[in-house]
Amino acid sequence: MKWQYLVGGLGLVIAGAVLQLKYTGILDILGDERLATPMLLLATGALCSLLGFLGCCGAIRENYCLTVSFAVLLSLILIVETAAAIAAYALQEPLQASLSHQLTLGLQRYNRSAGVRIAWNQIQREFACCGVHNYTDWHVPPDSCCIQDSLDCAKNEQNLQLSGCMERLEHWLILNAAMVGGVSATVGSMQVIGVCFACCLSKSILKDFHDFYY
């Protein structure tokens, strides 16, 4: 069971790194840490790997302290994850309002910040959208709004994407939430089993210790 935490943790780290590199522009515009799914995966993966290593050491060496520490830390993490899941559900509507606000602010900074400009262009190309709600949000739509991106294509309204990025990003966030929820449920189930296994192992180690010395 302990090695599964190591493998699963490394998998989460890789998934988080890939998402962080691919969608870094989106996070630059949103500027909201609650939306940072890649960072959440990275942190969870690193923690699972560390706990897996601790659990493996405790099981191999039959060390009572390491095994109990593994069980206690795993229980604490499970409690924190449950609280985070409840908080994320409660903050669903404020998160949508924050998303709209951050997108609008990013739109206003388009011509003042090269980073925001690159990020907006990336989002509009990646999600085939234009503006926050539609292309009328732009005073002058950029070429990244076009169905077929080419020089000065945005001068013709018929070339512009009709869907706004707010709608597309909401859909993307729902998919991310489903992914994180699925991963969390799987990891949570493994954690419950891990706690039970660690408690049984530590009890067995303690019993062997007493039988040997007493």
N, C-alpha and C. Protein backbone atom coordinates (compact mmCIF):
# COMPACT_ATOMS: atom_id res chain seq x y z
N MET A 1 0.83 -1.22 0.00
CA MET A 1 0.00 0.00 0.00
C MET A 1 0.86 1.26 0.00
N LYS A 2 1.99 1.23 0.72
CA LYS A 2 2.81 2.44 0.83
C LYS A 2 3.41 2.86 -0.51
N TRP A 3 3.85 1.85 -1.31
CA TRP A 3 4.47 2.20 -2.59
C TRP A 3 3.47 2.84 -3.54
N GLN A 4 2.18 2.53 -3.36
CA GLN A 4 1.15 3.14 -4.20
C GLN A 4 1.07 4.65 -3.98
N TYR A 5 1.35 5.09 -2.75
CA TYR A 5 1.38 6.53 -2.47
C TYR A 5 2.53 7.20 -3.21
N LEU A 6 3.67 6.51 -3.26
CA LEU A 6 4.82 7.05 -3.99
C LEU A 6 4.52 7.20 -5.47
N VAL A 7 3.98 6.13 -6.08
CA VAL A 7 3.66 6.15 -7.51
C VAL A 7 2.55 7.15 -7.80
N GLY A 8 1.49 7.11 -6.98
CA GLY A 8 0.38 8.06 -7.17
C GLY A 8 0.82 9.50 -6.99
N GLY A 9 1.68 9.73 -6.00
CA GLY A 9 2.19 11.09 -5.77
C GLY A 9 3.00 11.61 -6.93
N LEU A 10 3.86 10.75 -7.48
CA LEU A 10 4.66 11.15 -8.64
C LEU A 10 3.77 11.42 -9.85
N GLY A 11 2.70 10.62 -10.00
CA GLY A 11 1.76 10.84 -11.09
C GLY A 11 1.07 12.19 -10.98
N LEU A 12 0.66 12.57 -9.76
CA LEU A 12 0.02 13.86 -9.54
C LEU A 12 0.99 15.01 -9.80
N VAL A 13 2.25 14.85 -9.41
CA VAL A 13 3.26 15.88 -9.66
C VAL A 13 3.43 16.10 -11.16
N ILE A 14 3.50 15.01 -11.93
CA ILE A 14 3.66 15.12 -13.38
C ILE A 14 2.44 15.78 -14.01
N ALA A 15 1.23 15.35 -13.59
CA ALA A 15 0.00 15.93 -14.12
C ALA A 15 -0.09 17.42 -13.80
N GLY A 16 0.25 17.79 -12.57
CA GLY A 16 0.23 19.20 -12.18
C GLY A 16 1.21 20.04 -12.97
N ALA A 17 2.41 19.48 -13.20
CA ALA A 17 3.44 20.21 -13.96
C ALA A 17 3.00 20.45 -15.40
N VAL A 18 2.39 19.42 -16.01
CA VAL A 18 1.93 19.55 -17.40
C VAL A 18 0.83 20.61 -17.50
N LEU A 19 -0.14 20.57 -16.58
CA LEU A 19 -1.23 21.55 -16.59
C LEU A 19 -0.71 22.96 -16.33
N GLN A 20 0.25 23.08 -15.41
CA GLN A 20 0.81 24.39 -15.09
C GLN A 20 1.50 25.01 -16.30
N LEU A 21 2.24 24.20 -17.04
CA LEU A 21 2.95 24.69 -18.22
C LEU A 21 1.99 25.02 -19.35
N LYS A 22 0.96 24.18 -19.53
CA LYS A 22 0.05 24.37 -20.66
C LYS A 22 -0.91 25.53 -20.45
N TYR A 23 -1.39 25.71 -19.20
CA TYR A 23 -2.43 26.71 -18.94
C TYR A 23 -1.94 27.86 -18.06
N THR A 24 -0.64 28.13 -18.10
CA THR A 24 -0.10 29.20 -17.26
C THR A 24 -0.69 30.56 -17.61
N GLY A 25 -1.03 30.78 -18.89
CA GLY A 25 -1.62 32.04 -19.32
C GLY A 25 -2.97 32.29 -18.69
N ILE A 26 -3.77 31.24 -18.54
CA ILE A 26 -5.08 31.37 -17.92
C ILE A 26 -4.94 31.85 -16.48
N LEU A 27 -4.02 31.25 -15.76
CA LEU A 27 -3.82 31.63 -14.36
C LEU A 27 -3.26 33.04 -14.23
N ASP A 28 -2.48 33.48 -15.23
CA ASP A 28 -1.96 34.85 -15.22
C ASP A 28 -3.09 35.86 -15.26
N ILE A 29 -4.11 35.59 -16.06
CA ILE A 29 -5.24 36.51 -16.18
C ILE A 29 -6.15 36.42 -14.97
N LEU A 30 -6.47 35.19 -14.56
CA LEU A 30 -7.43 35.02 -13.47
C LEU A 30 -6.89 35.56 -12.16
N GLY A 31 -5.61 35.33 -11.93
CA GLY A 31 -4.98 35.86 -10.72
C GLY A 31 -5.66 35.43 -9.44
N ASP A 32 -6.27 34.24 -9.45
CA ASP A 32 -7.00 33.75 -8.28
C ASP A 32 -6.43 32.41 -7.88
N GLU A 33 -5.83 32.33 -6.71
CA GLU A 33 -5.17 31.10 -6.27
C GLU A 33 -6.15 29.95 -6.08
N ARG A 34 -7.43 30.27 -5.90
CA ARG A 34 -8.39 29.19 -5.73
C ARG A 34 -8.59 28.41 -7.02
N LEU A 35 -8.18 28.99 -8.17
CA LEU A 35 -8.35 28.33 -9.45
C LEU A 35 -7.11 27.55 -9.85
N ALA A 36 -6.09 27.57 -9.01
CA ALA A 36 -4.80 26.99 -9.40
C ALA A 36 -4.80 25.48 -9.20
N THR A 37 -5.58 24.78 -10.02
CA THR A 37 -5.63 23.32 -9.97
C THR A 37 -4.27 22.68 -10.14
N PRO A 38 -3.43 23.13 -11.11
CA PRO A 38 -2.12 22.51 -11.26
C PRO A 38 -1.27 22.57 -9.99
N MET A 39 -1.29 23.71 -9.31
CA MET A 39 -0.50 23.84 -8.08
C MET A 39 -1.05 22.93 -6.98
N LEU A 40 -2.37 22.76 -6.97
CA LEU A 40 -2.99 21.86 -6.00
C LEU A 40 -2.54 20.42 -6.24
N LEU A 41 -2.49 20.03 -7.52
CA LEU A 41 -2.04 18.68 -7.86
C LEU A 41 -0.57 18.50 -7.50
N LEU A 42 0.24 19.52 -7.77
CA LEU A 42 1.67 19.44 -7.44
C LEU A 42 1.88 19.27 -5.93
N ALA A 43 1.18 20.08 -5.15
CA ALA A 43 1.33 20.02 -3.69
C ALA A 43 0.84 18.68 -3.14
N THR A 44 -0.33 18.23 -3.64
CA THR A 44 -0.87 16.95 -3.18
C THR A 44 0.04 15.80 -3.56
N GLY A 45 0.56 15.84 -4.79
CA GLY A 45 1.45 14.79 -5.26
C GLY A 45 2.73 14.72 -4.45
N ALA A 46 3.32 15.88 -4.17
CA ALA A 46 4.56 15.91 -3.38
C ALA A 46 4.32 15.38 -1.96
N LEU A 47 3.17 15.76 -1.39
CA LEU A 47 2.84 15.31 -0.03
C LEU A 47 2.61 13.80 0.01
N CYS A 48 1.89 13.28 -1.01
CA CYS A 48 1.64 11.84 -1.07
C CYS A 48 2.95 11.06 -1.23
N SER A 49 3.85 11.58 -2.06
CA SER A 49 5.15 10.92 -2.25
C SER A 49 5.95 10.89 -0.95
N LEU A 50 5.93 12.02 -0.22
CA LEU A 50 6.65 12.10 1.05
C LEU A 50 6.08 11.13 2.07
N LEU A 51 4.75 11.09 2.14
CA LEU A 51 4.10 10.17 3.08
C LEU A 51 4.34 8.72 2.69
N GLY A 52 4.32 8.46 1.37
CA GLY A 52 4.59 7.11 0.89
C GLY A 52 5.98 6.64 1.29
N PHE A 53 6.95 7.54 1.16
CA PHE A 53 8.32 7.22 1.56
C PHE A 53 8.40 6.94 3.06
N LEU A 54 7.73 7.79 3.84
CA LEU A 54 7.71 7.61 5.29
C LEU A 54 7.07 6.28 5.67
N GLY A 55 5.95 5.96 5.01
CA GLY A 55 5.26 4.70 5.29
C GLY A 55 6.08 3.48 4.90
N CYS A 56 6.77 3.56 3.75
CA CYS A 56 7.62 2.45 3.30
C CYS A 56 8.76 2.20 4.29
N CYS A 57 9.38 3.28 4.74
CA CYS A 57 10.47 3.15 5.72
C CYS A 57 9.97 2.51 7.01
N GLY A 58 8.79 2.95 7.46
CA GLY A 58 8.23 2.40 8.69
C GLY A 58 7.89 0.93 8.56
N ALA A 59 7.34 0.53 7.39
CA ALA A 59 6.94 -0.86 7.18
C ALA A 59 8.16 -1.77 7.02
N ILE A 60 9.15 -1.32 6.23
CA ILE A 60 10.34 -2.14 5.98
C ILE A 60 11.15 -2.35 7.26
N ARG A 61 11.32 -1.27 8.00
CA ARG A 61 12.13 -1.35 9.23
C ARG A 61 11.30 -1.80 10.44
N GLU A 62 9.97 -1.91 10.21
CA GLU A 62 9.05 -2.25 11.30
C GLU A 62 9.26 -1.30 12.48
N ASN A 63 9.30 -0.01 12.13
CA ASN A 63 9.53 1.04 13.12
C ASN A 63 8.18 1.57 13.61
N TYR A 64 7.94 1.42 14.90
CA TYR A 64 6.65 1.82 15.47
C TYR A 64 6.40 3.32 15.32
N CYS A 65 7.41 4.14 15.62
CA CYS A 65 7.26 5.61 15.57
C CYS A 65 6.93 6.09 14.16
N LEU A 66 7.66 5.57 13.16
CA LEU A 66 7.42 5.97 11.78
C LEU A 66 6.03 5.56 11.32
N THR A 67 5.61 4.36 11.70
CA THR A 67 4.30 3.86 11.29
C THR A 67 3.17 4.68 11.92
N VAL A 68 3.31 4.99 13.20
CA VAL A 68 2.30 5.81 13.88
C VAL A 68 2.28 7.23 13.29
N SER A 69 3.46 7.78 13.02
CA SER A 69 3.55 9.11 12.41
C SER A 69 2.85 9.13 11.06
N PHE A 70 3.04 8.07 10.28
CA PHE A 70 2.38 7.94 8.98
C PHE A 70 0.86 7.96 9.14
N ALA A 71 0.35 7.19 10.11
CA ALA A 71 -1.10 7.12 10.34
C ALA A 71 -1.66 8.46 10.80
N VAL A 72 -0.96 9.13 11.71
CA VAL A 72 -1.43 10.41 12.24
C VAL A 72 -1.44 11.49 11.16
N LEU A 73 -0.33 11.59 10.40
CA LEU A 73 -0.25 12.60 9.34
C LEU A 73 -1.28 12.35 8.26
N LEU A 74 -1.48 11.08 7.92
CA LEU A 74 -2.47 10.73 6.90
C LEU A 74 -3.88 11.09 7.35
N SER A 75 -4.17 10.88 8.63
CA SER A 75 -5.48 11.24 9.18
C SER A 75 -5.69 12.75 9.14
N LEU A 76 -4.65 13.51 9.50
CA LEU A 76 -4.75 14.98 9.47
C LEU A 76 -4.98 15.49 8.05
N ILE A 77 -4.26 14.91 7.09
CA ILE A 77 -4.42 15.33 5.70
C ILE A 77 -5.83 15.02 5.21
N LEU A 78 -6.36 13.87 5.61
CA LEU A 78 -7.72 13.48 5.22
C LEU A 78 -8.74 14.47 5.76
N ILE A 79 -8.55 14.94 6.99
CA ILE A 79 -9.45 15.93 7.58
C ILE A 79 -9.36 17.25 6.82
N VAL A 80 -8.13 17.68 6.50
CA VAL A 80 -7.93 18.94 5.75
C VAL A 80 -8.56 18.84 4.37
N GLU A 81 -8.40 17.71 3.69
CA GLU A 81 -8.98 17.52 2.36
C GLU A 81 -10.50 17.58 2.40
N THR A 82 -11.09 16.98 3.43
CA THR A 82 -12.54 17.02 3.58
C THR A 82 -13.03 18.45 3.80
N ALA A 83 -12.32 19.19 4.65
CA ALA A 83 -12.67 20.60 4.90
C ALA A 83 -12.52 21.43 3.63
N ALA A 84 -11.46 21.17 2.86
CA ALA A 84 -11.23 21.91 1.61
C ALA A 84 -12.32 21.63 0.60
N ALA A 85 -12.78 20.38 0.53
CA ALA A 85 -13.85 20.02 -0.41
C ALA A 85 -15.15 20.74 -0.05
N ILE A 86 -15.46 20.80 1.25
CA ILE A 86 -16.67 21.50 1.70
C ILE A 86 -16.56 23.00 1.40
N ALA A 87 -15.38 23.58 1.65
CA ALA A 87 -15.17 25.01 1.39
C ALA A 87 -15.27 25.32 -0.10
N ALA A 88 -14.71 24.44 -0.95
CA ALA A 88 -14.76 24.65 -2.40
C ALA A 88 -16.20 24.64 -2.90
N TYR A 89 -17.02 23.75 -2.35
CA TYR A 89 -18.44 23.69 -2.75
C TYR A 89 -19.17 24.95 -2.30
N ALA A 90 -18.87 25.43 -1.09
CA ALA A 90 -19.53 26.62 -0.55
C ALA A 90 -19.14 27.88 -1.31
N LEU A 91 -17.91 27.90 -1.87
CA LEU A 91 -17.40 29.09 -2.57
C LEU A 91 -17.65 29.05 -4.07
N GLN A 92 -18.53 28.14 -4.52
CA GLN A 92 -18.75 27.98 -5.96
C GLN A 92 -19.28 29.26 -6.61
N GLU A 93 -20.31 29.88 -6.03
CA GLU A 93 -20.89 31.09 -6.63
C GLU A 93 -19.95 32.29 -6.53
N PRO A 94 -19.31 32.56 -5.36
CA PRO A 94 -18.32 33.64 -5.33
C PRO A 94 -17.18 33.44 -6.32
N LEU A 95 -16.85 32.20 -6.62
CA LEU A 95 -15.79 31.90 -7.56
C LEU A 95 -16.17 32.32 -8.97
N GLN A 96 -17.44 32.11 -9.33
CA GLN A 96 -17.93 32.52 -10.65
C GLN A 96 -17.90 34.04 -10.79
N ALA A 97 -18.29 34.74 -9.73
CA ALA A 97 -18.25 36.20 -9.76
C ALA A 97 -16.81 36.69 -9.87
N SER A 98 -15.91 36.03 -9.15
CA SER A 98 -14.48 36.39 -9.21
C SER A 98 -13.92 36.15 -10.60
N LEU A 99 -14.34 35.07 -11.24
CA LEU A 99 -13.89 34.76 -12.59
C LEU A 99 -14.26 35.86 -13.57
N SER A 100 -15.52 36.30 -13.52
CA SER A 100 -15.98 37.37 -14.41
C SER A 100 -15.22 38.67 -14.14
N HIS A 101 -15.00 38.98 -12.86
CA HIS A 101 -14.30 40.21 -12.48
C HIS A 101 -12.85 40.19 -12.98
N GLN A 102 -12.16 39.06 -12.78
CA GLN A 102 -10.76 38.96 -13.19
C GLN A 102 -10.61 39.02 -14.70
N LEU A 103 -11.54 38.41 -15.42
CA LEU A 103 -11.48 38.45 -16.88
C LEU A 103 -11.67 39.88 -17.39
N THR A 104 -12.61 40.60 -16.77
CA THR A 104 -12.85 41.99 -17.17
C THR A 104 -11.63 42.86 -16.89
N LEU A 105 -11.00 42.67 -15.73
CA LEU A 105 -9.78 43.42 -15.41
C LEU A 105 -8.66 43.09 -16.40
N GLY A 106 -8.54 41.82 -16.75
CA GLY A 106 -7.52 41.41 -17.71
C GLY A 106 -7.75 42.03 -19.07
N LEU A 107 -9.02 42.15 -19.44
CA LEU A 107 -9.38 42.77 -20.72
C LEU A 107 -8.91 44.23 -20.75
N GLN A 108 -9.08 44.92 -19.63
CA GLN A 108 -8.70 46.34 -19.55
C GLN A 108 -7.18 46.53 -19.57
N ARG A 109 -6.44 45.49 -19.15
CA ARG A 109 -4.98 45.59 -19.11
C ARG A 109 -4.32 45.04 -20.37
N TYR A 110 -5.11 44.69 -21.35
CA TYR A 110 -4.60 44.01 -22.56
C TYR A 110 -3.51 44.82 -23.25
N ASN A 111 -3.73 46.11 -23.41
CA ASN A 111 -2.76 46.96 -24.13
C ASN A 111 -1.68 47.54 -23.22
N ARG A 112 -1.78 47.28 -21.90
CA ARG A 112 -0.81 47.85 -20.97
C ARG A 112 0.20 46.83 -20.44
N SER A 113 -0.08 45.56 -20.66
CA SER A 113 0.79 44.51 -20.13
C SER A 113 1.02 43.44 -21.19
N ALA A 114 2.30 43.22 -21.51
CA ALA A 114 2.64 42.21 -22.51
C ALA A 114 2.23 40.81 -22.04
N GLY A 115 2.40 40.54 -20.73
CA GLY A 115 2.04 39.24 -20.19
C GLY A 115 0.56 38.95 -20.31
N VAL A 116 -0.27 39.96 -19.97
CA VAL A 116 -1.72 39.81 -20.07
C VAL A 116 -2.14 39.66 -21.52
N ARG A 117 -1.50 40.41 -22.41
CA ARG A 117 -1.82 40.33 -23.84
C ARG A 117 -1.53 38.92 -24.39
N ILE A 118 -0.38 38.38 -24.02
CA ILE A 118 -0.03 37.02 -24.46
C ILE A 118 -1.02 36.01 -23.89
N ALA A 119 -1.38 36.20 -22.60
CA ALA A 119 -2.30 35.27 -21.95
C ALA A 119 -3.68 35.31 -22.58
N TRP A 120 -4.19 36.53 -22.86
CA TRP A 120 -5.50 36.65 -23.49
C TRP A 120 -5.51 36.02 -24.88
N ASN A 121 -4.46 36.26 -25.63
CA ASN A 121 -4.38 35.66 -26.97
C ASN A 121 -4.35 34.14 -26.89
N GLN A 122 -3.63 33.62 -25.89
CA GLN A 122 -3.56 32.17 -25.70
C GLN A 122 -4.93 31.60 -25.37
N ILE A 123 -5.65 32.26 -24.46
CA ILE A 123 -6.97 31.79 -24.06
C ILE A 123 -7.94 31.80 -25.24
N GLN A 124 -7.95 32.89 -26.00
CA GLN A 124 -8.90 33.02 -27.09
C GLN A 124 -8.62 32.01 -28.20
N ARG A 125 -7.36 31.69 -28.42
CA ARG A 125 -7.03 30.67 -29.42
C ARG A 125 -7.31 29.27 -28.88
N GLU A 126 -6.94 29.04 -27.63
CA GLU A 126 -7.07 27.71 -27.02
C GLU A 126 -8.53 27.30 -26.87
N PHE A 127 -9.39 28.26 -26.47
CA PHE A 127 -10.79 27.95 -26.19
C PHE A 127 -11.75 28.42 -27.29
N ALA A 128 -11.21 28.94 -28.38
CA ALA A 128 -12.03 29.40 -29.52
C ALA A 128 -13.14 30.34 -29.03
N CYS A 129 -12.74 31.44 -28.38
CA CYS A 129 -13.69 32.38 -27.82
C CYS A 129 -13.19 33.81 -28.07
N CYS A 130 -14.02 34.78 -27.69
CA CYS A 130 -13.64 36.18 -27.89
C CYS A 130 -14.28 37.05 -26.82
N GLY A 131 -13.46 37.81 -26.09
CA GLY A 131 -13.97 38.69 -25.04
C GLY A 131 -14.45 37.92 -23.82
N VAL A 132 -15.05 38.64 -22.88
CA VAL A 132 -15.57 38.00 -21.68
C VAL A 132 -16.89 37.30 -21.98
N HIS A 133 -17.86 38.05 -22.53
CA HIS A 133 -19.17 37.49 -22.88
C HIS A 133 -19.32 37.31 -24.40
N ASN A 134 -18.75 38.24 -25.18
CA ASN A 134 -18.71 38.12 -26.63
C ASN A 134 -17.72 39.16 -27.17
N TYR A 135 -17.59 39.23 -28.48
CA TYR A 135 -16.57 40.11 -29.08
C TYR A 135 -16.83 41.59 -28.85
N THR A 136 -18.07 41.97 -28.48
CA THR A 136 -18.37 43.39 -28.25
C THR A 136 -17.70 43.92 -26.98
N ASP A 137 -17.16 43.03 -26.15
CA ASP A 137 -16.42 43.48 -24.96
C ASP A 137 -15.14 44.21 -25.35
N TRP A 138 -14.63 43.92 -26.54
CA TRP A 138 -13.42 44.58 -27.03
C TRP A 138 -13.77 45.89 -27.74
N HIS A 139 -12.95 46.91 -27.47
CA HIS A 139 -13.08 48.14 -28.26
C HIS A 139 -12.61 47.87 -29.69
N VAL A 140 -11.47 47.21 -29.79
CA VAL A 140 -10.95 46.73 -31.08
C VAL A 140 -10.53 45.27 -30.86
N PRO A 141 -11.30 44.30 -31.37
CA PRO A 141 -10.96 42.89 -31.15
C PRO A 141 -9.59 42.54 -31.74
N PRO A 142 -8.78 41.78 -31.01
CA PRO A 142 -7.48 41.34 -31.55
C PRO A 142 -7.67 40.20 -32.55
N ASP A 143 -6.63 39.92 -33.30
CA ASP A 143 -6.71 38.86 -34.31
C ASP A 143 -6.90 37.47 -33.70
N SER A 144 -6.55 37.33 -32.41
CA SER A 144 -6.74 36.03 -31.76
C SER A 144 -8.21 35.68 -31.57
N CYS A 145 -9.11 36.65 -31.82
CA CYS A 145 -10.55 36.41 -31.75
C CYS A 145 -11.08 35.70 -33.00
N CYS A 146 -10.28 35.64 -34.03
CA CYS A 146 -10.76 35.13 -35.32
C CYS A 146 -10.90 33.61 -35.31
N ILE A 147 -11.85 33.13 -36.12
CA ILE A 147 -12.03 31.70 -36.29
C ILE A 147 -10.79 31.11 -36.95
N GLN A 148 -10.30 31.80 -37.98
CA GLN A 148 -9.03 31.46 -38.62
C GLN A 148 -8.08 32.63 -38.39
N ASP A 149 -7.13 32.45 -37.49
CA ASP A 149 -6.24 33.54 -37.09
C ASP A 149 -5.29 33.92 -38.23
N SER A 150 -5.40 35.19 -38.66
CA SER A 150 -4.50 35.72 -39.68
C SER A 150 -4.39 37.23 -39.48
N LEU A 151 -3.45 37.86 -40.13
CA LEU A 151 -3.19 39.29 -39.95
C LEU A 151 -4.41 40.12 -40.35
N ASP A 152 -4.85 40.99 -39.42
CA ASP A 152 -5.97 41.92 -39.63
C ASP A 152 -7.30 41.21 -39.90
N CYS A 153 -7.42 39.95 -39.52
CA CYS A 153 -8.67 39.22 -39.76
C CYS A 153 -9.82 39.75 -38.90
N ALA A 154 -9.49 40.38 -37.75
CA ALA A 154 -10.51 40.85 -36.82
C ALA A 154 -11.26 42.08 -37.32
N LYS A 155 -10.79 42.67 -38.41
CA LYS A 155 -11.47 43.85 -38.95
C LYS A 155 -12.83 43.49 -39.54
N ASN A 156 -13.01 42.22 -39.89
CA ASN A 156 -14.28 41.74 -40.42
C ASN A 156 -15.01 40.96 -39.33
N GLU A 157 -16.18 41.44 -38.90
CA GLU A 157 -16.92 40.81 -37.80
C GLU A 157 -17.30 39.37 -38.10
N GLN A 158 -17.46 39.04 -39.36
CA GLN A 158 -17.85 37.67 -39.74
C GLN A 158 -16.75 36.66 -39.43
N ASN A 159 -15.53 37.14 -39.24
CA ASN A 159 -14.41 36.24 -38.93
C ASN A 159 -14.27 35.96 -37.44
N LEU A 160 -15.05 36.67 -36.60
CA LEU A 160 -14.86 36.59 -35.15
C LEU A 160 -15.61 35.43 -34.51
N GLN A 161 -15.02 34.90 -33.43
CA GLN A 161 -15.70 33.88 -32.63
C GLN A 161 -16.91 34.51 -31.94
N LEU A 162 -18.02 33.79 -31.87
CA LEU A 162 -19.24 34.32 -31.27
C LEU A 162 -19.31 34.04 -29.76
N SER A 163 -18.69 32.97 -29.32
CA SER A 163 -18.76 32.60 -27.90
C SER A 163 -17.79 33.43 -27.06
N GLY A 164 -18.25 33.80 -25.85
CA GLY A 164 -17.37 34.51 -24.92
C GLY A 164 -16.50 33.54 -24.14
N CYS A 165 -15.40 34.03 -23.63
CA CYS A 165 -14.45 33.17 -22.89
C CYS A 165 -14.96 32.81 -21.50
N MET A 166 -15.87 33.62 -20.95
CA MET A 166 -16.43 33.32 -19.64
C MET A 166 -17.13 31.96 -19.67
N GLU A 167 -17.95 31.75 -20.68
CA GLU A 167 -18.69 30.49 -20.81
C GLU A 167 -17.74 29.31 -20.98
N ARG A 168 -16.74 29.48 -21.84
CA ARG A 168 -15.79 28.39 -22.11
C ARG A 168 -14.94 28.07 -20.87
N LEU A 169 -14.52 29.13 -20.15
CA LEU A 169 -13.69 28.91 -18.96
C LEU A 169 -14.49 28.28 -17.83
N GLU A 170 -15.78 28.64 -17.72
CA GLU A 170 -16.63 27.99 -16.72
C GLU A 170 -16.70 26.49 -16.98
N HIS A 171 -16.87 26.13 -18.27
CA HIS A 171 -16.91 24.72 -18.64
C HIS A 171 -15.58 24.04 -18.31
N TRP A 172 -14.48 24.74 -18.59
CA TRP A 172 -13.15 24.21 -18.29
C TRP A 172 -12.95 24.00 -16.79
N LEU A 173 -13.44 24.95 -16.00
CA LEU A 173 -13.32 24.84 -14.54
C LEU A 173 -14.15 23.69 -13.99
N ILE A 174 -15.34 23.47 -14.60
CA ILE A 174 -16.18 22.35 -14.17
C ILE A 174 -15.47 21.02 -14.43
N LEU A 175 -14.85 20.92 -15.62
CA LEU A 175 -14.10 19.71 -15.94
C LEU A 175 -12.93 19.52 -14.98
N ASN A 176 -12.24 20.63 -14.66
CA ASN A 176 -11.13 20.57 -13.71
C ASN A 176 -11.61 20.15 -12.33
N ALA A 177 -12.77 20.70 -11.93
CA ALA A 177 -13.32 20.36 -10.62
C ALA A 177 -13.69 18.88 -10.57
N ALA A 178 -14.25 18.37 -11.68
CA ALA A 178 -14.60 16.95 -11.75
C ALA A 178 -13.35 16.08 -11.65
N MET A 179 -12.28 16.53 -12.34
CA MET A 179 -11.02 15.78 -12.31
C MET A 179 -10.44 15.77 -10.91
N VAL A 180 -10.39 16.95 -10.29
CA VAL A 180 -9.85 17.05 -8.93
C VAL A 180 -10.71 16.25 -7.95
N GLY A 181 -12.05 16.31 -8.16
CA GLY A 181 -12.95 15.56 -7.29
C GLY A 181 -12.73 14.06 -7.41
N GLY A 182 -12.55 13.58 -8.65
CA GLY A 182 -12.30 12.16 -8.86
C GLY A 182 -10.99 11.71 -8.26
N VAL A 183 -9.95 12.53 -8.46
CA VAL A 183 -8.64 12.21 -7.88
C VAL A 183 -8.71 12.24 -6.36
N SER A 184 -9.41 13.24 -5.82
CA SER A 184 -9.52 13.37 -4.36
C SER A 184 -10.26 12.18 -3.75
N ALA A 185 -11.33 11.73 -4.44
CA ALA A 185 -12.09 10.58 -3.94
C ALA A 185 -11.23 9.32 -3.94
N THR A 186 -10.44 9.15 -5.02
CA THR A 186 -9.56 7.98 -5.10
C THR A 186 -8.47 8.03 -4.03
N VAL A 187 -7.83 9.21 -3.93
CA VAL A 187 -6.77 9.37 -2.93
C VAL A 187 -7.34 9.24 -1.52
N GLY A 188 -8.54 9.80 -1.30
CA GLY A 188 -9.17 9.71 0.02
C GLY A 188 -9.45 8.27 0.42
N SER A 189 -9.93 7.47 -0.54
CA SER A 189 -10.19 6.05 -0.26
C SER A 189 -8.90 5.33 0.10
N MET A 190 -7.83 5.63 -0.66
CA MET A 190 -6.53 5.03 -0.37
C MET A 190 -6.02 5.46 1.01
N GLN A 191 -6.31 6.71 1.37
CA GLN A 191 -5.85 7.21 2.66
C GLN A 191 -6.55 6.51 3.82
N VAL A 192 -7.86 6.27 3.67
CA VAL A 192 -8.60 5.56 4.72
C VAL A 192 -8.03 4.15 4.90
N ILE A 193 -7.79 3.47 3.77
CA ILE A 193 -7.19 2.13 3.83
C ILE A 193 -5.79 2.20 4.44
N GLY A 194 -5.04 3.24 4.04
CA GLY A 194 -3.68 3.40 4.55
C GLY A 194 -3.65 3.62 6.05
N VAL A 195 -4.59 4.42 6.56
CA VAL A 195 -4.66 4.66 8.01
C VAL A 195 -4.96 3.35 8.75
N CYS A 196 -5.94 2.59 8.23
CA CYS A 196 -6.29 1.31 8.86
C CYS A 196 -5.11 0.35 8.84
N PHE A 197 -4.43 0.29 7.68
CA PHE A 197 -3.28 -0.61 7.53
C PHE A 197 -2.16 -0.21 8.49
N ALA A 198 -1.89 1.10 8.57
CA ALA A 198 -0.82 1.59 9.45
C ALA A 198 -1.14 1.32 10.92
N CYS A 199 -2.41 1.48 11.29
CA CYS A 199 -2.80 1.22 12.68
C CYS A 199 -2.63 -0.26 13.03
N CYS A 200 -3.03 -1.13 12.09
CA CYS A 200 -2.87 -2.57 12.32
C CYS A 200 -1.39 -2.95 12.41
N LEU A 201 -0.59 -2.36 11.51
CA LEU A 201 0.84 -2.67 11.49
C LEU A 201 1.53 -2.18 12.77
N SER A 202 1.19 -0.97 13.20
CA SER A 202 1.81 -0.43 14.42
C SER A 202 1.40 -1.24 15.65
N LYS A 203 0.16 -1.71 15.65
CA LYS A 203 -0.30 -2.55 16.76
C LYS A 203 0.46 -3.87 16.78
N SER A 204 0.69 -4.43 15.58
CA SER A 204 1.44 -5.69 15.47
C SER A 204 2.90 -5.50 15.92
N ILE A 205 3.50 -4.38 15.51
CA ILE A 205 4.89 -4.09 15.90
C ILE A 205 5.00 -3.94 17.41
N LEU A 206 4.04 -3.23 18.00
CA LEU A 206 4.04 -3.02 19.45
C LEU A 206 3.86 -4.34 20.20
N LYS A 207 2.98 -5.20 19.66
CA LYS A 207 2.74 -6.51 20.29
C LYS A 207 4.01 -7.37 20.24
N ASP A 208 4.69 -7.37 19.07
CA ASP A 208 5.93 -8.13 18.93
C ASP A 208 7.00 -7.62 19.89
N PHE A 209 7.03 -6.30 20.05
CA PHE A 209 8.01 -5.69 20.96
C PHE A 209 7.77 -6.15 22.40
N HIS A 210 6.50 -6.14 22.82
CA HIS A 210 6.16 -6.56 24.18
C HIS A 210 6.42 -8.05 24.37
N ASP A 211 6.09 -8.85 23.34
CA ASP A 211 6.32 -10.30 23.44
C ASP A 211 7.81 -10.63 23.55
N PHE A 212 8.63 -9.82 22.84
CA PHE A 212 10.07 -10.09 22.82
C PHE A 212 10.74 -9.71 24.14
N TYR A 213 10.33 -8.55 24.69
CA TYR A 213 11.01 -8.04 25.89
C TYR A 213 10.32 -8.43 27.20
N TYR A 214 9.05 -8.80 27.09
CA TYR A 214 8.34 -9.11 28.34
C TYR A 214 7.77 -10.54 28.29
